[in-house]
């Protein structure tokens, strides 16, 4: 590929990926941490949520936060906070649907939304670009991230056009597992290396928080 063509391809990729908003899924109950909001735990002097926002802001055309309960607890971050649009359906699929509904109502013309867990402090800096490239190259409808041979279906690109199908799956079919729903569609899986650290490490327990402190030092060196 010539230098001119490489530049044109890069420009198109930048234009497409920066038109993609992101939703941070913060609906977990943190039972293994004694309750509360996992993303508000602190690693290296910064909340996990702050780290996630820092990683994704340059990659996305705006961020929204999916969380139920009083949105005021996230006011300092300055993000729109949206609750699940389907009652009594806890879990990430409900948060993804809420984001797709919000984007359809507030961002007409946007076709894709990135979802990411709000408790993953080391997300890749090329997350959106590589997911989009995988989606385009594989002519897929959805794209999810993977590392170490494990898929991370909470972290992916979602088509706004599929929101009514997703709503039907949640409300009528009681589908709650993400991979059960994504299996119905053309899915691209994009893998990242796990060295020097797994970019999709998430903090579920207090031991994970201790490990995240160690990994944060590695991440800052990288």
N, C-alpha and C. Protein backbone atom coordinates (compact mmCIF):
# COMPACT_ATOMS: atom_id res chain seq x y z
N UNK A 1 0.84 -1.19 0.00
CA UNK A 1 0.00 0.00 0.00
C UNK A 1 0.88 1.25 0.00
N UNK A 2 0.57 2.21 -0.85
CA UNK A 2 1.36 3.43 -0.93
C UNK A 2 1.16 4.30 0.31
N UNK A 3 2.11 5.26 0.49
CA UNK A 3 2.00 6.15 1.65
C UNK A 3 0.70 6.95 1.57
N UNK A 4 0.33 7.39 0.36
CA UNK A 4 -0.91 8.16 0.21
C UNK A 4 -2.12 7.33 0.59
N UNK A 5 -2.16 6.07 0.15
CA UNK A 5 -3.29 5.20 0.48
C UNK A 5 -3.35 4.89 1.95
N UNK A 6 -2.15 4.69 2.56
CA UNK A 6 -2.14 4.43 4.00
C UNK A 6 -2.69 5.62 4.75
N UNK A 7 -2.31 6.82 4.31
CA UNK A 7 -2.80 8.03 4.97
C UNK A 7 -4.31 8.15 4.81
N UNK A 8 -4.83 7.85 3.64
CA UNK A 8 -6.28 7.94 3.40
C UNK A 8 -7.03 6.93 4.25
N UNK A 9 -6.48 5.71 4.34
CA UNK A 9 -7.13 4.68 5.17
C UNK A 9 -7.14 5.09 6.63
N UNK A 10 -6.02 5.64 7.10
CA UNK A 10 -5.93 6.10 8.48
C UNK A 10 -6.93 7.21 8.75
N UNK A 11 -7.06 8.14 7.80
CA UNK A 11 -7.99 9.26 7.97
C UNK A 11 -9.42 8.77 8.04
N UNK A 12 -9.76 7.80 7.17
CA UNK A 12 -11.13 7.26 7.20
C UNK A 12 -11.40 6.56 8.52
N UNK A 13 -10.43 5.78 9.01
CA UNK A 13 -10.61 5.08 10.28
C UNK A 13 -10.80 6.06 11.42
N UNK A 14 -10.01 7.15 11.41
CA UNK A 14 -10.15 8.15 12.47
C UNK A 14 -11.52 8.79 12.43
N UNK A 15 -11.99 9.11 11.23
CA UNK A 15 -13.30 9.75 11.11
C UNK A 15 -14.40 8.83 11.61
N UNK A 16 -14.33 7.56 11.24
CA UNK A 16 -15.38 6.63 11.63
C UNK A 16 -15.36 6.38 13.13
N UNK A 17 -14.18 6.09 13.68
CA UNK A 17 -14.13 5.73 15.09
C UNK A 17 -14.47 6.90 15.99
N UNK A 18 -14.10 8.14 15.61
CA UNK A 18 -14.42 9.25 16.48
C UNK A 18 -15.90 9.62 16.41
N UNK A 19 -16.66 9.00 15.54
CA UNK A 19 -18.11 9.22 15.49
C UNK A 19 -18.85 8.22 16.36
N UNK A 20 -18.13 7.43 17.12
CA UNK A 20 -18.75 6.37 17.92
C UNK A 20 -18.77 6.79 19.39
N UNK A 21 -19.96 6.96 19.97
CA UNK A 21 -20.03 7.25 21.41
C UNK A 21 -19.81 5.97 22.22
N UNK A 22 -19.51 6.16 23.49
CA UNK A 22 -19.28 5.01 24.36
C UNK A 22 -20.18 5.04 25.57
N UNK A 23 -20.56 3.84 26.04
CA UNK A 23 -21.31 3.72 27.28
C UNK A 23 -20.47 2.94 28.28
N UNK A 24 -20.36 3.46 29.48
CA UNK A 24 -19.64 2.81 30.56
C UNK A 24 -20.67 2.12 31.45
N UNK A 25 -20.57 0.81 31.54
CA UNK A 25 -21.55 0.01 32.27
C UNK A 25 -21.13 -0.09 33.73
N UNK A 26 -21.90 0.55 34.59
CA UNK A 26 -21.57 0.61 36.02
C UNK A 26 -22.71 0.07 36.86
N UNK A 27 -23.35 -0.97 36.36
CA UNK A 27 -24.53 -1.48 37.06
C UNK A 27 -24.27 -2.56 38.08
N UNK A 28 -22.99 -3.01 38.23
CA UNK A 28 -22.71 -4.09 39.17
C UNK A 28 -22.95 -3.67 40.61
N UNK A 29 -23.28 -4.66 41.44
CA UNK A 29 -23.59 -4.40 42.85
C UNK A 29 -22.39 -4.56 43.77
N UNK A 30 -21.26 -5.06 43.23
CA UNK A 30 -20.02 -5.20 44.00
C UNK A 30 -20.23 -6.01 45.28
N UNK A 31 -21.01 -7.08 45.18
CA UNK A 31 -21.27 -7.90 46.38
C UNK A 31 -19.98 -8.47 46.96
N UNK A 32 -19.03 -8.83 46.09
CA UNK A 32 -17.79 -9.41 46.57
C UNK A 32 -16.86 -8.39 47.20
N UNK A 33 -17.25 -7.11 47.12
CA UNK A 33 -16.49 -6.05 47.78
C UNK A 33 -17.27 -5.45 48.94
N UNK A 34 -18.41 -6.05 49.26
CA UNK A 34 -19.23 -5.54 50.35
C UNK A 34 -20.23 -4.50 49.93
N UNK A 35 -20.49 -4.41 48.61
CA UNK A 35 -21.48 -3.47 48.11
C UNK A 35 -20.84 -2.16 47.65
N UNK A 36 -21.68 -1.29 47.10
CA UNK A 36 -21.20 -0.01 46.60
C UNK A 36 -20.90 -0.06 45.12
N UNK A 37 -20.32 1.01 44.61
CA UNK A 37 -20.00 1.13 43.19
C UNK A 37 -18.54 0.76 42.97
N UNK A 38 -18.32 -0.36 42.28
CA UNK A 38 -16.94 -0.78 42.00
C UNK A 38 -16.13 0.29 41.30
N UNK A 39 -16.69 0.98 40.30
CA UNK A 39 -15.87 1.97 39.60
C UNK A 39 -15.39 3.13 40.46
N UNK A 40 -15.97 3.28 41.65
CA UNK A 40 -15.55 4.37 42.53
C UNK A 40 -14.41 3.97 43.46
N UNK A 41 -13.98 2.72 43.40
CA UNK A 41 -12.81 2.29 44.15
C UNK A 41 -11.57 2.98 43.59
N UNK A 42 -10.59 3.18 44.44
CA UNK A 42 -9.40 3.93 44.06
C UNK A 42 -8.22 3.02 43.79
N UNK A 43 -7.51 3.31 42.69
CA UNK A 43 -6.28 2.61 42.33
C UNK A 43 -5.22 3.66 42.03
N UNK A 44 -4.12 3.60 42.74
CA UNK A 44 -3.06 4.57 42.50
C UNK A 44 -3.51 6.01 42.63
N UNK A 45 -4.40 6.27 43.57
CA UNK A 45 -4.85 7.62 43.83
C UNK A 45 -5.94 8.14 42.90
N UNK A 46 -6.41 7.31 41.99
CA UNK A 46 -7.47 7.71 41.06
C UNK A 46 -8.56 6.65 41.06
N UNK A 47 -9.81 7.06 40.92
CA UNK A 47 -10.88 6.08 40.86
C UNK A 47 -10.76 5.27 39.56
N UNK A 48 -11.28 4.04 39.62
CA UNK A 48 -11.28 3.21 38.42
C UNK A 48 -12.05 3.90 37.32
N UNK A 49 -13.17 4.52 37.66
CA UNK A 49 -14.00 5.19 36.66
C UNK A 49 -13.22 6.32 36.00
N UNK A 50 -12.46 7.06 36.76
CA UNK A 50 -11.65 8.13 36.18
C UNK A 50 -10.65 7.57 35.18
N UNK A 51 -10.07 6.43 35.52
CA UNK A 51 -9.10 5.79 34.62
C UNK A 51 -9.79 5.34 33.32
N UNK A 52 -10.98 4.78 33.45
CA UNK A 52 -11.72 4.34 32.27
C UNK A 52 -12.06 5.53 31.38
N UNK A 53 -12.54 6.60 31.98
CA UNK A 53 -12.88 7.81 31.22
C UNK A 53 -11.66 8.36 30.49
N UNK A 54 -10.52 8.36 31.18
CA UNK A 54 -9.29 8.87 30.57
C UNK A 54 -8.90 8.04 29.35
N UNK A 55 -9.08 6.71 29.45
CA UNK A 55 -8.73 5.84 28.33
C UNK A 55 -9.66 6.02 27.14
N UNK A 56 -10.94 6.20 27.39
CA UNK A 56 -11.92 6.16 26.30
C UNK A 56 -12.26 7.52 25.72
N UNK A 57 -12.06 8.59 26.47
CA UNK A 57 -12.42 9.91 25.95
C UNK A 57 -11.77 10.23 24.60
N UNK A 58 -10.47 9.95 24.41
CA UNK A 58 -9.88 10.26 23.11
C UNK A 58 -10.38 9.35 21.98
N UNK A 59 -10.99 8.23 22.33
CA UNK A 59 -11.40 7.26 21.32
C UNK A 59 -12.87 7.39 20.91
N UNK A 60 -13.66 8.04 21.73
CA UNK A 60 -15.11 8.06 21.53
C UNK A 60 -15.61 9.48 21.30
N UNK A 61 -16.73 9.57 20.62
CA UNK A 61 -17.40 10.84 20.41
C UNK A 61 -18.41 11.04 21.54
N UNK A 62 -17.89 11.25 22.73
CA UNK A 62 -18.72 11.43 23.91
C UNK A 62 -18.92 10.13 24.66
N UNK A 63 -19.11 10.23 25.97
CA UNK A 63 -19.34 9.08 26.83
C UNK A 63 -20.62 9.28 27.63
N UNK A 64 -21.30 8.18 27.91
CA UNK A 64 -22.43 8.18 28.82
C UNK A 64 -22.21 7.07 29.84
N UNK A 65 -22.86 7.19 30.97
CA UNK A 65 -22.69 6.23 32.05
C UNK A 65 -24.02 5.54 32.32
N UNK A 66 -24.02 4.23 32.28
CA UNK A 66 -25.22 3.47 32.62
C UNK A 66 -25.14 3.04 34.07
N UNK A 67 -26.05 3.54 34.88
CA UNK A 67 -26.09 3.20 36.30
C UNK A 67 -27.50 3.42 36.80
N UNK A 68 -27.95 2.55 37.68
CA UNK A 68 -29.27 2.71 38.30
C UNK A 68 -29.11 3.36 39.67
N UNK A 69 -30.21 3.85 40.22
CA UNK A 69 -30.13 4.55 41.49
C UNK A 69 -29.91 6.03 41.30
N UNK A 70 -29.47 6.69 42.35
CA UNK A 70 -29.31 8.15 42.34
C UNK A 70 -28.12 8.53 41.44
N UNK A 71 -28.37 9.24 40.34
CA UNK A 71 -27.27 9.60 39.44
C UNK A 71 -26.35 10.66 40.03
N UNK A 72 -26.77 11.32 41.10
CA UNK A 72 -25.98 12.41 41.67
C UNK A 72 -24.62 11.94 42.17
N UNK A 73 -24.50 10.65 42.50
CA UNK A 73 -23.23 10.16 43.02
C UNK A 73 -22.12 10.17 41.97
N UNK A 74 -22.50 10.34 40.71
CA UNK A 74 -21.51 10.42 39.63
C UNK A 74 -21.39 11.83 39.06
N UNK A 75 -21.96 12.81 39.74
CA UNK A 75 -22.05 14.16 39.19
C UNK A 75 -20.69 14.77 38.88
N UNK A 76 -19.68 14.44 39.67
CA UNK A 76 -18.38 15.07 39.48
C UNK A 76 -17.73 14.70 38.14
N UNK A 77 -18.20 13.64 37.50
CA UNK A 77 -17.60 13.21 36.25
C UNK A 77 -18.19 13.93 35.03
N UNK A 78 -19.31 14.59 35.22
CA UNK A 78 -19.88 15.39 34.14
C UNK A 78 -20.41 14.61 32.96
N UNK A 79 -20.80 13.37 33.18
CA UNK A 79 -21.32 12.54 32.09
C UNK A 79 -22.84 12.37 32.21
N UNK A 80 -23.55 12.25 31.10
CA UNK A 80 -24.96 11.87 31.20
C UNK A 80 -25.07 10.49 31.87
N UNK A 81 -25.96 10.36 32.82
CA UNK A 81 -26.16 9.08 33.50
C UNK A 81 -27.53 8.56 33.12
N UNK A 82 -27.57 7.36 32.55
CA UNK A 82 -28.83 6.78 32.10
C UNK A 82 -29.08 5.47 32.85
N UNK A 83 -30.33 5.27 33.23
CA UNK A 83 -30.71 4.04 33.91
C UNK A 83 -31.20 3.02 32.87
N UNK A 84 -31.35 1.78 33.30
CA UNK A 84 -31.89 0.75 32.42
C UNK A 84 -33.27 1.16 31.93
N UNK A 85 -33.57 0.87 30.69
CA UNK A 85 -34.88 1.21 30.12
C UNK A 85 -35.85 0.04 30.21
N UNK A 86 -35.38 -1.11 30.64
CA UNK A 86 -36.24 -2.28 30.84
C UNK A 86 -36.19 -2.62 32.32
N UNK A 87 -37.33 -2.62 32.96
CA UNK A 87 -37.39 -2.84 34.41
C UNK A 87 -37.05 -4.29 34.76
N UNK A 88 -36.43 -4.46 35.93
CA UNK A 88 -36.19 -5.78 36.51
C UNK A 88 -35.34 -6.69 35.63
N UNK A 89 -34.45 -6.09 34.83
CA UNK A 89 -33.53 -6.89 34.04
C UNK A 89 -32.09 -6.48 34.37
N UNK A 90 -31.63 -6.83 35.54
CA UNK A 90 -30.25 -6.47 35.87
C UNK A 90 -29.28 -7.19 34.95
N UNK A 91 -28.17 -6.52 34.70
CA UNK A 91 -27.18 -7.15 33.84
C UNK A 91 -26.77 -6.25 32.70
N UNK A 92 -25.66 -6.56 32.08
CA UNK A 92 -25.11 -5.67 31.06
C UNK A 92 -25.96 -5.51 29.81
N UNK A 93 -26.73 -6.53 29.42
CA UNK A 93 -27.56 -6.37 28.23
C UNK A 93 -28.57 -5.25 28.41
N UNK A 94 -29.11 -5.11 29.61
CA UNK A 94 -30.07 -4.03 29.87
C UNK A 94 -29.37 -2.68 29.77
N UNK A 95 -28.14 -2.60 30.23
CA UNK A 95 -27.40 -1.35 30.12
C UNK A 95 -27.06 -1.01 28.69
N UNK A 96 -26.72 -2.02 27.91
CA UNK A 96 -26.42 -1.80 26.50
C UNK A 96 -27.67 -1.32 25.77
N UNK A 97 -28.81 -1.93 26.06
CA UNK A 97 -30.06 -1.50 25.44
C UNK A 97 -30.37 -0.05 25.82
N UNK A 98 -30.17 0.30 27.08
CA UNK A 98 -30.41 1.69 27.50
C UNK A 98 -29.55 2.66 26.70
N UNK A 99 -28.31 2.27 26.46
CA UNK A 99 -27.41 3.13 25.69
C UNK A 99 -27.86 3.25 24.24
N UNK A 100 -28.26 2.14 23.65
CA UNK A 100 -28.73 2.19 22.27
C UNK A 100 -29.98 3.06 22.15
N UNK A 101 -30.88 2.95 23.12
CA UNK A 101 -32.08 3.79 23.11
C UNK A 101 -31.71 5.26 23.26
N UNK A 102 -30.76 5.56 24.15
CA UNK A 102 -30.36 6.95 24.38
C UNK A 102 -29.72 7.53 23.13
N UNK A 103 -28.86 6.78 22.50
CA UNK A 103 -28.19 7.27 21.29
C UNK A 103 -29.20 7.47 20.16
N UNK A 104 -30.16 6.54 20.02
CA UNK A 104 -31.17 6.69 18.97
C UNK A 104 -31.97 7.98 19.17
N UNK A 105 -32.23 8.33 20.43
CA UNK A 105 -33.04 9.51 20.72
C UNK A 105 -32.23 10.81 20.67
N UNK A 106 -30.95 10.73 21.04
CA UNK A 106 -30.16 11.95 21.21
C UNK A 106 -29.06 12.17 20.17
N UNK A 107 -28.70 11.11 19.46
CA UNK A 107 -27.63 11.22 18.49
C UNK A 107 -28.07 10.61 17.16
N UNK A 108 -29.08 11.18 16.51
CA UNK A 108 -29.55 10.62 15.25
C UNK A 108 -28.41 10.58 14.23
N UNK A 109 -28.37 9.50 13.48
CA UNK A 109 -27.32 9.33 12.49
C UNK A 109 -26.16 8.48 12.98
N UNK A 110 -26.04 8.30 14.29
CA UNK A 110 -24.99 7.44 14.84
C UNK A 110 -25.43 5.99 14.72
N UNK A 111 -24.55 5.15 14.20
CA UNK A 111 -24.95 3.77 13.94
C UNK A 111 -24.33 2.75 14.89
N UNK A 112 -23.24 3.12 15.57
CA UNK A 112 -22.55 2.18 16.45
C UNK A 112 -22.30 2.82 17.81
N UNK A 113 -22.30 1.96 18.83
CA UNK A 113 -22.01 2.40 20.19
C UNK A 113 -20.98 1.43 20.78
N UNK A 114 -19.98 1.97 21.44
CA UNK A 114 -19.04 1.15 22.17
C UNK A 114 -19.56 0.92 23.58
N UNK A 115 -19.46 -0.30 24.06
CA UNK A 115 -19.75 -0.57 25.47
C UNK A 115 -18.46 -1.02 26.15
N UNK A 116 -18.31 -0.63 27.41
CA UNK A 116 -17.14 -1.04 28.19
C UNK A 116 -17.53 -1.13 29.65
N UNK A 117 -16.95 -2.10 30.33
CA UNK A 117 -17.17 -2.22 31.77
C UNK A 117 -16.47 -1.06 32.48
N UNK A 118 -17.17 -0.45 33.40
CA UNK A 118 -16.61 0.71 34.10
C UNK A 118 -15.65 0.31 35.21
N UNK A 119 -15.36 -1.01 35.34
CA UNK A 119 -14.40 -1.46 36.35
C UNK A 119 -13.15 -2.06 35.71
N UNK A 120 -12.87 -1.68 34.45
CA UNK A 120 -11.67 -2.13 33.74
C UNK A 120 -10.72 -0.95 33.58
N UNK A 121 -9.75 -0.78 34.47
CA UNK A 121 -8.95 0.44 34.48
C UNK A 121 -7.85 0.51 33.42
N UNK A 122 -7.59 -0.60 32.70
CA UNK A 122 -6.45 -0.61 31.78
C UNK A 122 -6.86 -0.86 30.33
N UNK A 123 -8.01 -0.37 29.94
CA UNK A 123 -8.52 -0.61 28.59
C UNK A 123 -7.52 -0.16 27.53
N UNK A 124 -7.46 -0.88 26.39
CA UNK A 124 -6.50 -0.52 25.34
C UNK A 124 -6.77 0.86 24.77
N UNK A 125 -5.70 1.53 24.40
CA UNK A 125 -5.84 2.85 23.79
C UNK A 125 -6.27 2.77 22.32
N UNK A 126 -6.23 1.55 21.77
CA UNK A 126 -6.68 1.36 20.39
C UNK A 126 -7.97 0.52 20.34
N UNK A 127 -8.72 0.54 21.43
CA UNK A 127 -9.90 -0.33 21.54
C UNK A 127 -10.91 -0.07 20.43
N UNK A 128 -11.34 1.16 20.28
CA UNK A 128 -12.40 1.47 19.31
C UNK A 128 -11.91 1.22 17.88
N UNK A 129 -10.70 1.67 17.59
CA UNK A 129 -10.19 1.53 16.22
C UNK A 129 -10.09 0.07 15.81
N UNK A 130 -9.58 -0.77 16.70
CA UNK A 130 -9.40 -2.18 16.34
C UNK A 130 -10.73 -2.93 16.30
N UNK A 131 -11.64 -2.60 17.20
CA UNK A 131 -12.96 -3.24 17.13
C UNK A 131 -13.67 -2.86 15.84
N UNK A 132 -13.57 -1.58 15.47
CA UNK A 132 -14.22 -1.16 14.23
C UNK A 132 -13.59 -1.83 13.02
N UNK A 133 -12.27 -1.92 13.02
CA UNK A 133 -11.61 -2.58 11.90
C UNK A 133 -12.01 -4.05 11.81
N UNK A 134 -12.12 -4.72 12.95
CA UNK A 134 -12.55 -6.11 12.94
C UNK A 134 -13.97 -6.26 12.43
N UNK A 135 -14.83 -5.35 12.85
CA UNK A 135 -16.22 -5.38 12.40
C UNK A 135 -16.31 -5.20 10.89
N UNK A 136 -15.55 -4.23 10.38
CA UNK A 136 -15.58 -3.96 8.94
C UNK A 136 -14.94 -5.08 8.13
N UNK A 137 -13.78 -5.56 8.57
CA UNK A 137 -13.06 -6.59 7.83
C UNK A 137 -13.84 -7.90 7.76
N UNK A 138 -14.58 -8.21 8.83
CA UNK A 138 -15.30 -9.48 8.89
C UNK A 138 -16.78 -9.32 8.50
N UNK A 139 -17.14 -8.13 8.02
CA UNK A 139 -18.52 -7.86 7.60
C UNK A 139 -19.50 -8.30 8.68
N UNK A 140 -19.19 -7.92 9.92
CA UNK A 140 -19.98 -8.34 11.07
C UNK A 140 -20.98 -7.27 11.48
N UNK A 141 -21.93 -7.67 12.32
CA UNK A 141 -22.89 -6.72 12.88
C UNK A 141 -22.47 -6.23 14.26
N UNK A 142 -21.67 -7.05 14.94
CA UNK A 142 -21.21 -6.76 16.28
C UNK A 142 -19.74 -7.12 16.38
N UNK A 143 -19.04 -6.52 17.32
CA UNK A 143 -17.65 -6.88 17.57
C UNK A 143 -17.40 -6.88 19.07
N UNK A 144 -16.67 -7.88 19.54
CA UNK A 144 -16.34 -7.96 20.96
C UNK A 144 -14.84 -8.15 21.12
N UNK A 145 -14.34 -7.78 22.30
CA UNK A 145 -12.92 -7.89 22.60
C UNK A 145 -12.61 -9.25 23.22
N UNK A 146 -11.36 -9.66 23.11
CA UNK A 146 -10.89 -10.90 23.72
C UNK A 146 -9.43 -10.75 24.11
N UNK A 147 -9.00 -11.58 25.05
CA UNK A 147 -7.59 -11.62 25.44
C UNK A 147 -7.35 -12.95 26.13
N UNK A 148 -6.14 -13.48 25.95
CA UNK A 148 -5.80 -14.73 26.63
C UNK A 148 -6.74 -15.87 26.32
N UNK A 149 -7.30 -15.88 25.12
CA UNK A 149 -8.23 -16.94 24.75
C UNK A 149 -9.61 -16.81 25.35
N UNK A 150 -9.90 -15.70 25.98
CA UNK A 150 -11.20 -15.47 26.62
C UNK A 150 -11.89 -14.26 26.00
N UNK A 151 -13.16 -14.43 25.66
CA UNK A 151 -13.94 -13.33 25.12
C UNK A 151 -14.45 -12.45 26.26
N UNK A 152 -14.56 -11.15 25.96
CA UNK A 152 -15.08 -10.19 26.94
C UNK A 152 -16.30 -9.51 26.31
N UNK A 153 -17.45 -10.17 26.30
CA UNK A 153 -18.60 -9.68 25.54
C UNK A 153 -19.17 -8.36 26.03
N UNK A 154 -18.85 -7.95 27.25
CA UNK A 154 -19.33 -6.65 27.74
C UNK A 154 -18.63 -5.50 27.00
N UNK A 155 -17.47 -5.79 26.45
CA UNK A 155 -16.66 -4.77 25.78
C UNK A 155 -16.77 -4.99 24.28
N UNK A 156 -17.52 -4.11 23.61
CA UNK A 156 -17.72 -4.34 22.18
C UNK A 156 -18.40 -3.18 21.48
N UNK A 157 -18.62 -3.37 20.20
CA UNK A 157 -19.36 -2.43 19.37
C UNK A 157 -20.73 -3.00 19.06
N UNK A 158 -21.75 -2.15 19.17
CA UNK A 158 -23.13 -2.58 19.02
C UNK A 158 -23.83 -1.71 17.99
N UNK A 159 -24.63 -2.32 17.15
CA UNK A 159 -25.39 -1.59 16.14
C UNK A 159 -26.67 -1.02 16.75
N UNK A 160 -26.88 0.27 16.58
CA UNK A 160 -28.10 0.89 17.09
C UNK A 160 -29.33 0.28 16.43
N UNK A 161 -29.21 -0.18 15.20
CA UNK A 161 -30.34 -0.77 14.48
C UNK A 161 -30.84 -2.07 15.11
N UNK A 162 -30.04 -2.67 15.98
CA UNK A 162 -30.43 -3.94 16.59
C UNK A 162 -31.15 -3.76 17.93
N UNK A 163 -31.44 -2.52 18.30
CA UNK A 163 -31.98 -2.32 19.65
C UNK A 163 -33.36 -2.94 19.84
N UNK A 164 -34.21 -2.94 18.82
CA UNK A 164 -35.53 -3.54 18.98
C UNK A 164 -35.44 -5.05 19.11
N UNK A 165 -34.51 -5.65 18.38
CA UNK A 165 -34.29 -7.09 18.53
C UNK A 165 -33.79 -7.41 19.94
N UNK A 166 -32.90 -6.57 20.45
CA UNK A 166 -32.38 -6.78 21.79
C UNK A 166 -33.48 -6.61 22.84
N UNK A 167 -34.34 -5.62 22.65
CA UNK A 167 -35.45 -5.42 23.59
C UNK A 167 -36.36 -6.65 23.61
N UNK A 168 -36.66 -7.19 22.43
CA UNK A 168 -37.50 -8.39 22.34
C UNK A 168 -36.84 -9.56 23.07
N UNK A 169 -35.55 -9.70 22.88
CA UNK A 169 -34.84 -10.80 23.54
C UNK A 169 -34.90 -10.66 25.06
N UNK A 170 -34.76 -9.44 25.57
CA UNK A 170 -34.81 -9.22 27.01
C UNK A 170 -36.21 -9.38 27.58
N UNK A 171 -37.18 -8.75 26.94
CA UNK A 171 -38.54 -8.68 27.51
C UNK A 171 -39.33 -9.95 27.25
N UNK A 172 -39.27 -10.44 26.04
CA UNK A 172 -40.12 -11.59 25.65
C UNK A 172 -39.42 -12.91 25.90
N UNK A 173 -38.14 -12.98 25.56
CA UNK A 173 -37.42 -14.26 25.63
C UNK A 173 -36.63 -14.46 26.92
N UNK A 174 -36.52 -13.43 27.72
CA UNK A 174 -35.77 -13.50 28.98
C UNK A 174 -34.31 -13.87 28.75
N UNK A 175 -33.73 -13.35 27.68
CA UNK A 175 -32.31 -13.58 27.40
C UNK A 175 -31.49 -12.58 28.21
N UNK A 176 -30.58 -13.10 29.02
CA UNK A 176 -29.77 -12.21 29.85
C UNK A 176 -28.27 -12.35 29.59
N UNK A 177 -27.83 -13.48 29.11
CA UNK A 177 -26.41 -13.67 28.83
C UNK A 177 -26.06 -13.03 27.49
N UNK A 178 -25.02 -12.23 27.51
CA UNK A 178 -24.64 -11.50 26.29
C UNK A 178 -24.30 -12.46 25.17
N UNK A 179 -23.50 -13.49 25.46
CA UNK A 179 -23.06 -14.37 24.37
C UNK A 179 -24.19 -15.17 23.77
N UNK A 180 -25.26 -15.36 24.53
CA UNK A 180 -26.43 -16.05 23.96
C UNK A 180 -27.07 -15.18 22.89
N UNK A 181 -27.08 -13.87 23.11
CA UNK A 181 -27.69 -12.98 22.13
C UNK A 181 -26.75 -12.70 20.96
N UNK A 182 -25.48 -12.47 21.25
CA UNK A 182 -24.55 -12.17 20.16
C UNK A 182 -24.40 -13.36 19.21
N UNK A 183 -24.65 -14.58 19.69
CA UNK A 183 -24.53 -15.76 18.84
C UNK A 183 -25.54 -15.74 17.69
N UNK A 184 -26.55 -14.91 17.80
CA UNK A 184 -27.57 -14.83 16.75
C UNK A 184 -27.14 -13.94 15.59
N UNK A 185 -26.05 -13.24 15.75
CA UNK A 185 -25.65 -12.24 14.77
C UNK A 185 -24.22 -12.50 14.29
N UNK A 186 -23.86 -11.86 13.19
CA UNK A 186 -22.50 -11.97 12.68
C UNK A 186 -21.58 -11.23 13.65
N UNK A 187 -20.69 -11.98 14.25
CA UNK A 187 -19.88 -11.44 15.35
C UNK A 187 -18.41 -11.48 15.00
N UNK A 188 -17.72 -10.37 15.17
CA UNK A 188 -16.27 -10.30 15.03
C UNK A 188 -15.66 -10.30 16.43
N UNK A 189 -14.65 -11.14 16.63
CA UNK A 189 -13.92 -11.17 17.90
C UNK A 189 -12.51 -10.68 17.65
N UNK A 190 -12.10 -9.67 18.39
CA UNK A 190 -10.79 -9.04 18.20
C UNK A 190 -9.96 -9.27 19.46
N UNK A 191 -8.77 -9.84 19.30
CA UNK A 191 -7.94 -10.22 20.45
C UNK A 191 -6.80 -9.25 20.70
N UNK A 192 -6.49 -9.09 21.98
CA UNK A 192 -5.35 -8.28 22.43
C UNK A 192 -4.39 -9.16 23.22
N UNK A 193 -3.11 -8.85 23.21
CA UNK A 193 -2.14 -9.60 24.03
C UNK A 193 -2.35 -9.31 25.51
N UNK A 194 -1.85 -10.21 26.35
CA UNK A 194 -2.00 -10.06 27.80
C UNK A 194 -0.69 -9.65 28.48
N UNK A 195 0.34 -9.35 27.70
CA UNK A 195 1.60 -8.90 28.27
C UNK A 195 1.85 -7.44 27.85
N UNK A 196 2.34 -6.62 28.74
CA UNK A 196 2.76 -6.92 30.11
C UNK A 196 1.59 -7.05 31.09
N UNK A 197 0.39 -6.68 30.65
CA UNK A 197 -0.79 -6.88 31.49
C UNK A 197 -2.01 -7.08 30.60
N UNK A 198 -3.02 -7.72 31.17
CA UNK A 198 -4.26 -7.93 30.42
C UNK A 198 -5.04 -6.61 30.42
N UNK A 199 -5.27 -6.03 29.23
CA UNK A 199 -5.95 -4.74 29.19
C UNK A 199 -7.40 -4.81 29.65
N UNK A 200 -7.93 -6.04 29.79
CA UNK A 200 -9.33 -6.19 30.21
C UNK A 200 -9.45 -6.72 31.63
N UNK A 201 -8.37 -6.59 32.38
CA UNK A 201 -8.41 -6.91 33.81
C UNK A 201 -9.52 -6.09 34.45
N UNK A 202 -10.35 -6.76 35.25
CA UNK A 202 -11.39 -6.01 35.96
C UNK A 202 -11.36 -6.33 37.44
N UNK A 203 -11.76 -5.37 38.21
CA UNK A 203 -11.66 -5.45 39.67
C UNK A 203 -12.99 -5.92 40.26
N UNK A 204 -13.03 -7.20 40.65
CA UNK A 204 -14.25 -7.76 41.22
C UNK A 204 -14.17 -7.97 42.73
N UNK A 205 -12.96 -8.12 43.26
CA UNK A 205 -12.78 -8.39 44.68
C UNK A 205 -11.73 -7.43 45.25
N UNK A 206 -11.62 -7.45 46.57
CA UNK A 206 -10.60 -6.61 47.19
C UNK A 206 -9.19 -7.09 46.82
N UNK A 207 -9.02 -8.40 46.60
CA UNK A 207 -7.74 -8.91 46.13
C UNK A 207 -7.42 -8.35 44.74
N UNK A 208 -8.46 -8.21 43.91
CA UNK A 208 -8.26 -7.62 42.59
C UNK A 208 -7.79 -6.18 42.69
N UNK A 209 -8.31 -5.46 43.66
CA UNK A 209 -7.89 -4.07 43.85
C UNK A 209 -6.41 -4.02 44.19
N UNK A 210 -5.96 -4.94 45.05
CA UNK A 210 -4.54 -4.98 45.40
C UNK A 210 -3.70 -5.30 44.17
N UNK A 211 -4.15 -6.24 43.34
CA UNK A 211 -3.44 -6.58 42.11
C UNK A 211 -3.45 -5.40 41.14
N UNK A 212 -4.55 -4.69 41.10
CA UNK A 212 -4.64 -3.54 40.21
C UNK A 212 -3.64 -2.46 40.59
N UNK A 213 -3.35 -2.32 41.87
CA UNK A 213 -2.34 -1.35 42.30
C UNK A 213 -0.99 -1.70 41.69
N UNK A 214 -0.67 -2.99 41.68
CA UNK A 214 0.60 -3.44 41.09
C UNK A 214 0.62 -3.22 39.59
N UNK A 215 -0.49 -3.57 38.94
CA UNK A 215 -0.58 -3.43 37.49
C UNK A 215 -0.57 -1.97 37.05
N UNK A 216 -1.10 -1.09 37.90
CA UNK A 216 -1.12 0.33 37.55
C UNK A 216 0.29 0.87 37.40
N UNK A 217 1.19 0.37 38.23
CA UNK A 217 2.58 0.79 38.13
C UNK A 217 3.19 0.33 36.80
N UNK A 218 2.87 -0.90 36.39
CA UNK A 218 3.34 -1.41 35.10
C UNK A 218 2.75 -0.60 33.96
N UNK A 219 1.46 -0.29 34.07
CA UNK A 219 0.77 0.43 33.01
C UNK A 219 1.36 1.82 32.82
N UNK A 220 1.70 2.47 33.90
CA UNK A 220 2.26 3.81 33.81
C UNK A 220 3.67 3.81 33.23
N UNK A 221 4.34 2.67 33.35
CA UNK A 221 5.68 2.53 32.77
C UNK A 221 5.62 2.23 31.28
N UNK A 222 4.44 1.66 30.83
CA UNK A 222 4.33 1.21 29.45
C UNK A 222 4.10 2.32 28.46
